[in-house]
Amino acid sequence: MSTYTHVQSLVVLLVVVLLSSIPVFAEPIWFPALFNLSADSTENILLVNKADQELYILKSRRPGDLEVLKKYRVTTGRVDGNKEVEGDLKTPEGIYRIVKLLPGENLVPKYGPMVFVLNYPNFVDRKLGRTGGGIWIHGRDEEIRDYLTEGCVSMNNRNLRNLESRIRINSTQVIIDETLDLLSESEYEQSANQWNTQLNTWANAWERGDLDTYFGYYSLAASRGTSPAGSCPQICTRIWCWSVVI
């Protein structure tokens, strides 16, 4: 495998700010999703929109093409914002993996027939000093209403059972974001082109051994855990953080 191919493999599923058309709706719409750079990556991806209390199942068909397979009503943390400390009742935002399934017989009834355990805190969260744990996708033994949980993502039990067949433990990625604003097709194309240019420049700099350009994309503040991911102008604040998570 060439160095360039290796670098590309690190960024297969990391650009959450790119967009994809949604073919299952009456009219095409574009919303912040994933831009897949790999023809080999065809896994399902779960995308949680906290503002709208929705979970999407996305399927990657080919590079740059994502299809919405399902959309479910969910409820998230009682307190708005990104999780920072244990007990703050907030749902974390970022890219996570489902690392374990716990069967219902080992749980109290309020969690439903099973729970899917997320790897919060992930590498980025730990770097930024975030604490807490026990963030799950689980069922519910009562009506779904907005913002009911202590930080988990919860859905009705029937939908949770349907979700099980779409998940691969230690493989399925879960993207949680505060809001997913719709964009126009032209805005999508512009953003996609900008990110492709930036990513190619970053990867080519590594291939050429141009370390000044390559490391110019990284944020020292983010690497030391003193700045929230994405707060610095360098694009690779996110590239670096998300590549190691994935």
C-alpha atoms as a PDB file:
ATOM      1  CA  MET A   1       0.000   0.000   0.000  1.00  0.00           C
ATOM      2  CA  SER A   2       1.415   3.396  -0.962  1.00  0.00           C
ATOM      3  CA  THR A   3       1.775   6.182   1.581  1.00  0.00           C
ATOM      4  CA  TYR A   4      -0.849   8.180  -0.295  1.00  0.00           C
ATOM      5  CA  THR A   5      -3.328   5.290  -0.159  1.00  0.00           C
ATOM      6  CA  HIS A   6      -2.623   4.864   3.541  1.00  0.00           C
ATOM      7  CA  VAL A   7      -3.268   8.549   4.209  1.00  0.00           C
ATOM      8  CA  GLN A   8      -6.487   8.380   2.203  1.00  0.00           C
ATOM      9  CA  SER A   9      -7.651   5.409   4.257  1.00  0.00           C
ATOM     10  CA  LEU A  10      -7.435   7.525   7.415  1.00  0.00           C
ATOM     11  CA  VAL A  11      -9.998   9.972   6.100  1.00  0.00           C
ATOM     12  CA  VAL A  12     -12.561   7.585   4.648  1.00  0.00           C
ATOM     13  CA  LEU A  13     -15.363   8.491   7.041  1.00  0.00           C
ATOM     14  CA  LEU A  14     -14.306  11.705   8.658  1.00  0.00           C
ATOM     15  CA  VAL A  15     -15.797  14.753   6.964  1.00  0.00           C
ATOM     16  CA  VAL A  16     -19.054  15.445   8.768  1.00  0.00           C
ATOM     17  CA  VAL A  17     -19.457  18.846   7.150  1.00  0.00           C
ATOM     18  CA  LEU A  18     -19.906  17.503   3.642  1.00  0.00           C
ATOM     19  CA  LEU A  19     -23.292  16.750   2.197  1.00  0.00           C
ATOM     20  CA  SER A  20     -25.251  14.130   0.311  1.00  0.00           C
ATOM     21  CA  SER A  21     -28.548  14.045  -1.577  1.00  0.00           C
ATOM     22  CA  ILE A  22     -31.333  12.019   0.033  1.00  0.00           C
ATOM     23  CA  PRO A  23     -33.149   9.922  -2.583  1.00  0.00           C
ATOM     24  CA  VAL A  24     -35.920   8.546  -0.346  1.00  0.00           C
ATOM     25  CA  PHE A  25     -37.681  11.900   0.118  1.00  0.00           C
ATOM     26  CA  ALA A  26     -40.158  13.409  -2.347  1.00  0.00           C
ATOM     27  CA  GLU A  27     -37.663  16.066  -3.394  1.00  0.00           C
ATOM     28  CA  PRO A  28     -33.862  15.940  -3.108  1.00  0.00           C
ATOM     29  CA  ILE A  29     -32.483  17.651  -0.004  1.00  0.00           C
ATOM     30  CA  TRP A  30     -28.912  18.112   1.233  1.00  0.00           C
ATOM     31  CA  PHE A  31     -27.850  18.059   4.860  1.00  0.00           C
ATOM     32  CA  PRO A  32     -24.559  17.698   6.761  1.00  0.00           C
ATOM     33  CA  ALA A  33     -23.591  14.049   6.510  1.00  0.00           C
ATOM     34  CA  LEU A  34     -20.571  11.971   5.533  1.00  0.00           C
ATOM     35  CA  PHE A  35     -18.461  12.213   2.406  1.00  0.00           C
ATOM     36  CA  ASN A  36     -17.114   8.741   1.687  1.00  0.00           C
ATOM     37  CA  LEU A  37     -13.724   8.676  -0.039  1.00  0.00           C
ATOM     38  CA  SER A  38     -13.446   4.905  -0.318  1.00  0.00           C
ATOM     39  CA  ALA A  39     -15.115   2.576  -2.815  1.00  0.00           C
ATOM     40  CA  ASP A  40     -14.545  -0.254  -0.323  1.00  0.00           C
ATOM     41  CA  SER A  41     -16.484   1.359   2.529  1.00  0.00           C
ATOM     42  CA  THR A  42     -20.125   0.280   2.305  1.00  0.00           C
ATOM     43  CA  GLU A  43     -21.048   0.046   5.974  1.00  0.00           C
ATOM     44  CA  ASN A  44     -24.166   1.533   7.483  1.00  0.00           C
ATOM     45  CA  ILE A  45     -23.662   4.757   9.417  1.00  0.00           C
ATOM     46  CA  LEU A  46     -25.963   6.096  12.137  1.00  0.00           C
ATOM     47  CA  LEU A  47     -26.464   9.858  12.190  1.00  0.00           C
ATOM     48  CA  VAL A  48     -28.194  11.504  15.171  1.00  0.00           C
ATOM     49  CA  ASN A  49     -29.642  15.010  14.834  1.00  0.00           C
ATOM     50  CA  LYS A  50     -30.168  16.264  18.385  1.00  0.00           C
ATOM     51  CA  ALA A  51     -32.060  19.404  17.380  1.00  0.00           C
ATOM     52  CA  ASP A  52     -34.729  17.436  15.492  1.00  0.00           C
ATOM     53  CA  GLN A  53     -34.540  14.367  17.780  1.00  0.00           C
ATOM     54  CA  GLU A  54     -34.003  12.034  14.823  1.00  0.00           C
ATOM     55  CA  LEU A  55     -31.692   9.138  13.965  1.00  0.00           C
ATOM     56  CA  TYR A  56     -30.874   8.323  10.341  1.00  0.00           C
ATOM     57  CA  ILE A  57     -29.466   5.057   9.017  1.00  0.00           C
ATOM     58  CA  LEU A  58     -27.219   5.939   6.072  1.00  0.00           C
ATOM     59  CA  LYS A  59     -25.840   3.482   3.527  1.00  0.00           C
ATOM     60  CA  SER A  60     -22.737   4.191   1.488  1.00  0.00           C
ATOM     61  CA  ARG A  61     -23.120   2.889  -2.070  1.00  0.00           C
ATOM     62  CA  ARG A  62     -20.032   4.374  -3.718  1.00  0.00           C
ATOM     63  CA  PRO A  63     -17.608   7.262  -3.031  1.00  0.00           C
ATOM     64  CA  GLY A  64     -19.544  10.416  -2.273  1.00  0.00           C
ATOM     65  CA  ASP A  65     -22.976   8.766  -2.429  1.00  0.00           C
ATOM     66  CA  LEU A  66     -25.076   8.155   0.680  1.00  0.00           C
ATOM     67  CA  GLU A  67     -28.632   6.869   0.871  1.00  0.00           C
ATOM     68  CA  VAL A  68     -31.027   7.236   3.787  1.00  0.00           C
ATOM     69  CA  LEU A  69     -32.379   3.770   4.605  1.00  0.00           C
ATOM     70  CA  LYS A  70     -34.423   4.681   7.679  1.00  0.00           C
ATOM     71  CA  LYS A  71     -35.285   7.596   9.922  1.00  0.00           C
ATOM     72  CA  TYR A  72     -36.371   7.113  13.531  1.00  0.00           C
ATOM     73  CA  ARG A  73     -37.719   9.344  16.260  1.00  0.00           C
ATOM     74  CA  VAL A  74     -35.358   9.454  19.246  1.00  0.00           C
ATOM     75  CA  THR A  75     -34.888  11.367  22.460  1.00  0.00           C
ATOM     76  CA  THR A  76     -31.544  12.628  23.812  1.00  0.00           C
ATOM     77  CA  GLY A  77     -30.129  14.320  26.924  1.00  0.00           C
ATOM     78  CA  ARG A  78     -32.261  16.599  29.073  1.00  0.00           C
ATOM     79  CA  VAL A  79     -29.688  19.388  28.919  1.00  0.00           C
ATOM     80  CA  ASP A  80     -28.703  21.059  25.652  1.00  0.00           C
ATOM     81  CA  GLY A  81     -25.108  21.129  24.420  1.00  0.00           C
ATOM     82  CA  ASN A  82     -22.124  18.808  24.104  1.00  0.00           C
ATOM     83  CA  LYS A  83     -21.264  16.516  27.003  1.00  0.00           C
ATOM     84  CA  GLU A  84     -18.327  17.764  29.093  1.00  0.00           C
ATOM     85  CA  VAL A  85     -18.481  16.106  32.512  1.00  0.00           C
ATOM     86  CA  GLU A  86     -20.099  13.106  34.166  1.00  0.00           C
ATOM     87  CA  GLY A  87     -23.644  13.804  35.296  1.00  0.00           C
ATOM     88  CA  ASP A  88     -24.249  16.898  33.141  1.00  0.00           C
ATOM     89  CA  LEU A  89     -27.233  15.154  31.422  1.00  0.00           C
ATOM     90  CA  LYS A  90     -25.904  16.069  27.952  1.00  0.00           C
ATOM     91  CA  THR A  91     -25.561  13.807  24.916  1.00  0.00           C
ATOM     92  CA  PRO A  92     -22.008  13.853  23.498  1.00  0.00           C
ATOM     93  CA  GLU A  93     -21.337  15.100  19.970  1.00  0.00           C
ATOM     94  CA  GLY A  94     -18.771  13.504  17.706  1.00  0.00           C
ATOM     95  CA  ILE A  95     -17.934  10.239  15.964  1.00  0.00           C
ATOM     96  CA  TYR A  96     -18.300   7.061  17.994  1.00  0.00           C
ATOM     97  CA  ARG A  97     -18.316   3.301  17.497  1.00  0.00           C
ATOM     98  CA  ILE A  98     -20.778   0.777  18.855  1.00  0.00           C
ATOM     99  CA  VAL A  99     -18.514  -1.472  20.903  1.00  0.00           C
ATOM    100  CA  LYS A 100     -20.917  -3.791  22.710  1.00  0.00           C
ATOM    101  CA  LEU A 101     -24.484  -5.127  22.782  1.00  0.00           C
ATOM    102  CA  LEU A 102     -26.014  -5.770  26.200  1.00  0.00           C
ATOM    103  CA  PRO A 103     -29.100  -8.060  26.148  1.00  0.00           C
ATOM    104  CA  GLY A 104     -32.295  -6.995  27.858  1.00  0.00           C
ATOM    105  CA  GLU A 105     -32.251  -9.759  30.481  1.00  0.00           C
ATOM    106  CA  ASN A 106     -29.243  -8.023  32.040  1.00  0.00           C
ATOM    107  CA  LEU A 107     -30.983  -4.623  32.172  1.00  0.00           C
ATOM    108  CA  VAL A 108     -33.752  -2.898  34.052  1.00  0.00           C
ATOM    109  CA  PRO A 109     -36.964  -2.740  31.953  1.00  0.00           C
ATOM    110  CA  LYS A 110     -36.724   1.000  31.225  1.00  0.00           C
ATOM    111  CA  TYR A 111     -33.828   0.365  28.798  1.00  0.00           C
ATOM    112  CA  GLY A 112     -35.852  -1.944  26.556  1.00  0.00           C
ATOM    113  CA  PRO A 113     -34.830  -5.244  24.905  1.00  0.00           C
ATOM    114  CA  MET A 114     -31.112  -4.379  24.484  1.00  0.00           C
ATOM    115  CA  VAL A 115     -28.622  -1.528  24.536  1.00  0.00           C
ATOM    116  CA  PHE A 116     -25.817  -0.607  22.150  1.00  0.00           C
ATOM    117  CA  VAL A 117     -22.810   0.777  24.020  1.00  0.00           C
ATOM    118  CA  LEU A 118     -20.863   3.682  22.490  1.00  0.00           C
ATOM    119  CA  ASN A 119     -17.145   4.245  23.040  1.00  0.00           C
ATOM    120  CA  TYR A 120     -17.636   7.576  24.822  1.00  0.00           C
ATOM    121  CA  PRO A 121     -15.282   9.071  25.867  1.00  0.00           C
ATOM    122  CA  ASN A 122     -13.332   8.482  22.661  1.00  0.00           C
ATOM    123  CA  PHE A 123      -9.769   9.623  21.929  1.00  0.00           C
ATOM    124  CA  VAL A 124     -10.823  13.207  21.188  1.00  0.00           C
ATOM    125  CA  ASP A 125     -13.022  13.449  24.288  1.00  0.00           C
ATOM    126  CA  ARG A 126     -10.201  12.241  26.502  1.00  0.00           C
ATOM    127  CA  LYS A 127      -7.778  14.693  24.922  1.00  0.00           C
ATOM    128  CA  LEU A 128     -10.206  17.511  25.677  1.00  0.00           C
ATOM    129  CA  GLY A 129     -10.687  16.402  29.285  1.00  0.00           C
ATOM    130  CA  ARG A 130     -14.280  15.250  28.939  1.00  0.00           C
ATOM    131  CA  THR A 131     -15.476  12.772  31.542  1.00  0.00           C
ATOM    132  CA  GLY A 132     -18.349  10.396  32.108  1.00  0.00           C
ATOM    133  CA  GLY A 133     -19.412   7.199  30.396  1.00  0.00           C
ATOM    134  CA  GLY A 134     -22.293   4.792  29.957  1.00  0.00           C
ATOM    135  CA  ILE A 135     -23.574   6.451  26.775  1.00  0.00           C
ATOM    136  CA  TRP A 136     -25.910   3.997  25.065  1.00  0.00           C
ATOM    137  CA  ILE A 137     -28.479   3.689  22.317  1.00  0.00           C
ATOM    138  CA  HIS A 138     -31.335   1.977  24.120  1.00  0.00           C
ATOM    139  CA  GLY A 139     -35.062   1.324  24.103  1.00  0.00           C
ATOM    140  CA  ARG A 140     -37.783   2.929  26.171  1.00  0.00           C
ATOM    141  CA  ASP A 141     -40.701   1.590  28.221  1.00  0.00           C
ATOM    142  CA  GLU A 142     -42.658   4.827  27.880  1.00  0.00           C
ATOM    143  CA  GLU A 143     -43.742   7.303  25.221  1.00  0.00           C
ATOM    144  CA  ILE A 144     -40.944   9.063  23.328  1.00  0.00           C
ATOM    145  CA  ARG A 145     -40.821  12.783  24.030  1.00  0.00           C
ATOM    146  CA  ASP A 146     -38.064  15.335  23.408  1.00  0.00           C
ATOM    147  CA  TYR A 147     -34.994  15.445  25.654  1.00  0.00           C
ATOM    148  CA  LEU A 148     -35.757  12.771  28.242  1.00  0.00           C
ATOM    149  CA  THR A 149     -32.468  10.939  28.840  1.00  0.00           C
ATOM    150  CA  GLU A 150     -29.453  11.413  31.077  1.00  0.00           C
ATOM    151  CA  GLY A 151     -27.223  11.577  27.979  1.00  0.00           C
ATOM    152  CA  CYS A 152     -28.081   8.447  26.007  1.00  0.00           C
ATOM    153  CA  VAL A 153     -29.937   8.184  22.693  1.00  0.00           C
ATOM    154  CA  SER A 154     -33.255   6.410  23.261  1.00  0.00           C
ATOM    155  CA  MET A 155     -35.931   5.131  20.865  1.00  0.00           C
ATOM    156  CA  ASN A 156     -39.030   2.959  21.113  1.00  0.00           C
ATOM    157  CA  ASN A 157     -38.454  -0.754  21.545  1.00  0.00           C
ATOM    158  CA  ARG A 158     -39.798  -1.828  18.153  1.00  0.00           C
ATOM    159  CA  ASN A 159     -37.467   0.536  16.306  1.00  0.00           C
ATOM    160  CA  LEU A 160     -34.535  -0.572  18.448  1.00  0.00           C
ATOM    161  CA  ARG A 161     -35.121  -4.189  17.419  1.00  0.00           C
ATOM    162  CA  ASN A 162     -35.226  -3.108  13.769  1.00  0.00           C
ATOM    163  CA  LEU A 163     -31.961  -1.237  14.274  1.00  0.00           C
ATOM    164  CA  GLU A 164     -30.147  -4.353  15.505  1.00  0.00           C
ATOM    165  CA  SER A 165     -29.892  -5.916  12.034  1.00  0.00           C
ATOM    166  CA  ARG A 166     -28.181  -2.769  10.690  1.00  0.00           C
ATOM    167  CA  ILE A 167     -25.371  -2.744  13.254  1.00  0.00           C
ATOM    168  CA  ARG A 168     -21.990  -4.475  13.385  1.00  0.00           C
ATOM    169  CA  ILE A 169     -20.331  -4.418  16.801  1.00  0.00           C
ATOM    170  CA  ASN A 170     -16.925  -2.654  16.842  1.00  0.00           C
ATOM    171  CA  SER A 171     -17.531  -1.454  13.303  1.00  0.00           C
ATOM    172  CA  THR A 172     -20.679   0.687  12.935  1.00  0.00           C
ATOM    173  CA  GLN A 173     -19.980   4.403  13.281  1.00  0.00           C
ATOM    174  CA  VAL A 174     -22.413   6.722  15.091  1.00  0.00           C
ATOM    175  CA  ILE A 175     -22.262  10.426  14.260  1.00  0.00           C
ATOM    176  CA  ILE A 176     -23.982  12.703  16.782  1.00  0.00           C
ATOM    177  CA  ASP A 177     -24.411  16.385  15.961  1.00  0.00           C
ATOM    178  CA  GLU A 178     -26.378  19.241  17.487  1.00  0.00           C
ATOM    179  CA  THR A 179     -28.110  20.273  14.284  1.00  0.00           C
ATOM    180  CA  LEU A 180     -28.133  19.402  10.586  1.00  0.00           C
ATOM    181  CA  ASP A 181     -29.010  22.488   8.568  1.00  0.00           C
ATOM    182  CA  LEU A 182     -30.224  21.911   5.025  1.00  0.00           C
ATOM    183  CA  LEU A 183     -28.236  23.432   2.167  1.00  0.00           C
ATOM    184  CA  SER A 184     -28.916  24.027  -1.475  1.00  0.00           C
ATOM    185  CA  GLU A 185     -27.433  21.819  -4.184  1.00  0.00           C
ATOM    186  CA  SER A 186     -25.019  24.568  -5.216  1.00  0.00           C
ATOM    187  CA  GLU A 187     -23.850  25.010  -1.609  1.00  0.00           C
ATOM    188  CA  TYR A 188     -23.317  21.268  -1.399  1.00  0.00           C
ATOM    189  CA  GLU A 189     -21.203  21.199  -4.540  1.00  0.00           C
ATOM    190  CA  GLN A 190     -19.129  24.164  -3.386  1.00  0.00           C
ATOM    191  CA  SER A 191     -18.449  22.606   0.025  1.00  0.00           C
ATOM    192  CA  ALA A 192     -17.640  19.222  -1.472  1.00  0.00           C
ATOM    193  CA  ASN A 193     -15.126  20.763  -3.877  1.00  0.00           C
ATOM    194  CA  GLN A 194     -13.479  22.782  -1.104  1.00  0.00           C
ATOM    195  CA  TRP A 195     -13.073  19.766   1.166  1.00  0.00           C
ATOM    196  CA  ASN A 196     -11.757  17.578  -1.646  1.00  0.00           C
ATOM    197  CA  THR A 197      -9.152  20.217  -2.485  1.00  0.00           C
ATOM    198  CA  GLN A 198      -8.069  20.549   1.135  1.00  0.00           C
ATOM    199  CA  LEU A 199      -7.867  16.806   1.696  1.00  0.00           C
ATOM    200  CA  ASN A 200      -5.884  16.237  -1.497  1.00  0.00           C
ATOM    201  CA  THR A 201      -3.454  19.029  -0.608  1.00  0.00           C
ATOM    202  CA  TRP A 202      -2.951  17.525   2.845  1.00  0.00           C
ATOM    203  CA  ALA A 203      -2.387  13.986   1.512  1.00  0.00           C
ATOM    204  CA  ASN A 204      -0.130  15.129  -1.343  1.00  0.00           C
ATOM    205  CA  ALA A 205       2.036  17.119   1.064  1.00  0.00           C
ATOM    206  CA  TRP A 206       2.696  13.927   3.033  1.00  0.00           C
ATOM    207  CA  GLU A 207       3.442  11.989  -0.148  1.00  0.00           C
ATOM    208  CA  ARG A 208       5.942  14.637  -1.293  1.00  0.00           C
ATOM    209  CA  GLY A 209       7.576  14.888   2.124  1.00  0.00           C
ATOM    210  CA  ASP A 210       6.523  18.550   2.372  1.00  0.00           C
ATOM    211  CA  LEU A 211       6.282  18.537   6.152  1.00  0.00           C
ATOM    212  CA  ASP A 212       5.876  22.307   6.501  1.00  0.00           C
ATOM    213  CA  THR A 213       2.672  22.201   4.462  1.00  0.00           C
ATOM    214  CA  TYR A 214       1.526  18.929   6.018  1.00  0.00           C
ATOM    215  CA  PHE A 215       1.906  20.000   9.650  1.00  0.00           C
ATOM    216  CA  GLY A 216       0.537  23.439   8.792  1.00  0.00           C
ATOM    217  CA  TYR A 217      -2.880  21.786   8.685  1.00  0.00           C
ATOM    218  CA  TYR A 218      -2.706  20.708  12.325  1.00  0.00           C
ATOM    219  CA  SER A 219      -3.742  22.639  15.412  1.00  0.00           C
ATOM    220  CA  LEU A 220      -1.257  22.488  18.282  1.00  0.00           C
ATOM    221  CA  ALA A 221      -3.974  23.680  20.642  1.00  0.00           C
ATOM    222  CA  ALA A 222      -6.252  20.793  19.725  1.00  0.00           C
ATOM    223  CA  SER A 223      -3.429  18.243  19.966  1.00  0.00           C
ATOM    224  CA  ARG A 224      -2.677  19.443  23.519  1.00  0.00           C
ATOM    225  CA  GLY A 225      -6.345  19.244  24.459  1.00  0.00           C
ATOM    226  CA  THR A 226      -6.646  22.976  25.138  1.00  0.00           C
ATOM    227  CA  SER A 227      -9.020  23.860  22.307  1.00  0.00           C
ATOM    228  CA  PRO A 228     -12.346  22.333  21.258  1.00  0.00           C
ATOM    229  CA  ALA A 229     -12.080  20.284  18.082  1.00  0.00           C
ATOM    230  CA  GLY A 230     -13.039  22.402  15.112  1.00  0.00           C
ATOM    231  CA  SER A 231     -12.541  25.732  16.889  1.00  0.00           C
ATOM    232  CA  CYS A 232      -9.234  26.433  15.126  1.00  0.00           C
ATOM    233  CA  PRO A 233      -9.000  27.490  11.489  1.00  0.00           C
ATOM    234  CA  GLN A 234      -6.783  24.563  10.476  1.00  0.00           C
ATOM    235  CA  ILE A 235      -8.860  21.995   8.615  1.00  0.00           C
ATOM    236  CA  CYS A 236      -6.810  19.115   9.997  1.00  0.00           C
ATOM    237  CA  THR A 237      -7.855  19.832  13.546  1.00  0.00           C
ATOM    238  CA  ARG A 238     -10.758  17.581  12.572  1.00  0.00           C
ATOM    239  CA  ILE A 239      -8.846  15.364  10.152  1.00  0.00           C
ATOM    240  CA  TRP A 240      -6.331  14.418  12.833  1.00  0.00           C
ATOM    241  CA  CYS A 241      -8.858  13.878  15.585  1.00  0.00           C
ATOM    242  CA  TRP A 242     -11.380  11.887  13.584  1.00  0.00           C
ATOM    243  CA  SER A 243      -8.867   9.723  11.725  1.00  0.00           C
ATOM    244  CA  VAL A 244      -7.569   8.210  14.950  1.00  0.00           C
ATOM    245  CA  VAL A 245     -11.082   7.674  16.281  1.00  0.00           C
ATOM    246  CA  ILE A 246     -12.111   5.811  13.157  1.00  0.00           C
END
